[in-house]
Amino acid sequence: MHRTVAIVIFPGFQILDVTGPTSVFEIAERFRPGAYDLVLMAPGEGEIESSSGLKLAAGPLRDGPFDTIIVSGGDIIRSMPAAYEILAWLKRTSARRTASVCSGAYILAEAGLLDGRRATTHWANSDDFSRRYPKIRLDAERIFIRDGDVWTSAGISAGIDLALALIEDDLGPEIARRTAQQLVVHQRRPGGQSQFSALVELGGRTGRFLDLIEWMRANLAEPLTVERLADRVAMSPRNFARAFAAETGTTPAKAVERLRLETARRAVETSHAPLEHIAEATGFGEPGRMRRAFIRSFGQPPQALRRAAG
């Protein structure tokens, strides 16, 4: 089956939002020749300059139908005239499914395609996006989300995960797996994997809690209650919980679990330590609790991740 994939860019687009997914489709084509026809389009056509200054040659926005439309992210503010042209085009163009990478979700939201749906975007845009589009159920911790025939992904490199998921939806898990291997992607990240670490590990938007995060990481085996964390930074538990959430976009309890998960995952994938020891050292206490947390966050148990890493 031949599928036409329209990738839409605009002045100031993020180049990896485009080259990441197109590389995925290109590699998949090697395993299933004739599966995809890629079309790069932009308002005004011609050479379109990315945020890095590099340019890509794009054709004009033409009417479909298309199998898939993918709207890239980038500097939306710089490109508002082009964004409005894309909005009008989306409203008159048909496709089996529509997707966005990173801040491309703003364009889908403005077109009304995300109303009442779950969606994600780059973690740095989550507060602004939620304020602008209260009808959308934003989940900024997800790498990508599928809600019916609309797909959205997190920032930049997450476009690769999105494209691999689209490949799997079309051609099955084996082609997606071989494509990921050819791209030297360690493993296709499940959509439920979190964007959490990017902001939390910086200590929040201003770095206010950086020292606390480092201390938490060094003491994962200990009970890390809100009260203990608040005492560490000389704040009341209530004020600390509020300030931490405002800085990092997540609660202290979720931050503790994510630090434990990411530390445990590294240990699972890079060592031969028994799972019982890893669970104890990272504060899960026992393997069953760690296993449930892995499945909930990564979509796979620790044993599966260890086998894949091996």
Foldseek 3Di string as FASTA:
>chain_A
DEFEEEEEEAAAFDVLLPVLLVLLVVLLCVVVPRHYDYAYEFDVFQWHAHNVRHTDGHHYLDADAGAEYEYTDGDCVVGVVRLVVVLVSVLRHHYQAYEYAARSVVSCVVNVVQFQHEWEHALVCVVVVCVVRVRHNYDHFWQKDDDRRYIYGYHRNSSNLVSLVVCCVPPNDVSSQVSCVVVVNLDRFDRLATPQCVAVCCCFPVSPHNVLLVVLLVPQLDDDDLCVSCVVVVHHSVVVQVVSCVGRVDGPVVSSLVSLLVQLLCCLLPHPDDLQVSCNRRRVNGQVSNQVSCCNRRVGGSVVSNVSSD
